[in-house]
C-alpha cells in the first residue's frame, strides 16, 4: 500500500470516529436539555427571565454544535479533495 492510500485510509478512519463521537455528544446534549428543560419549566420558584435565559443558552449551544459539524465536514471535504488531486 502506498503512502497516499494509507493517508486516505487514516483520514477516513478519523472522519468516521469524529462522526460517531459527534453523534454521541448530540444524543447526550439533547437528553440533558430535555431533563433540564423539564426541571426549569416545572419549578415554580425559577423566575421567567432565568427560564428565557436557559432557552437562549440551549439554542446557542445547538447552533454552536451545528457550526462545529459544518466546519468539520468542510475540513474533511477539503482534505479529501486535496488528496484526490495530488499525485
Foldseek 3Di string as FASTA:
>chain_A
DDPLVVVVVVLVVVVVVVVVVLVVVVVVLVVVLVVVLVVQVPDPPRDPVVNVVSVVVSVVVVVVSVVVVVVVVVVSVVVVVVSVPDD
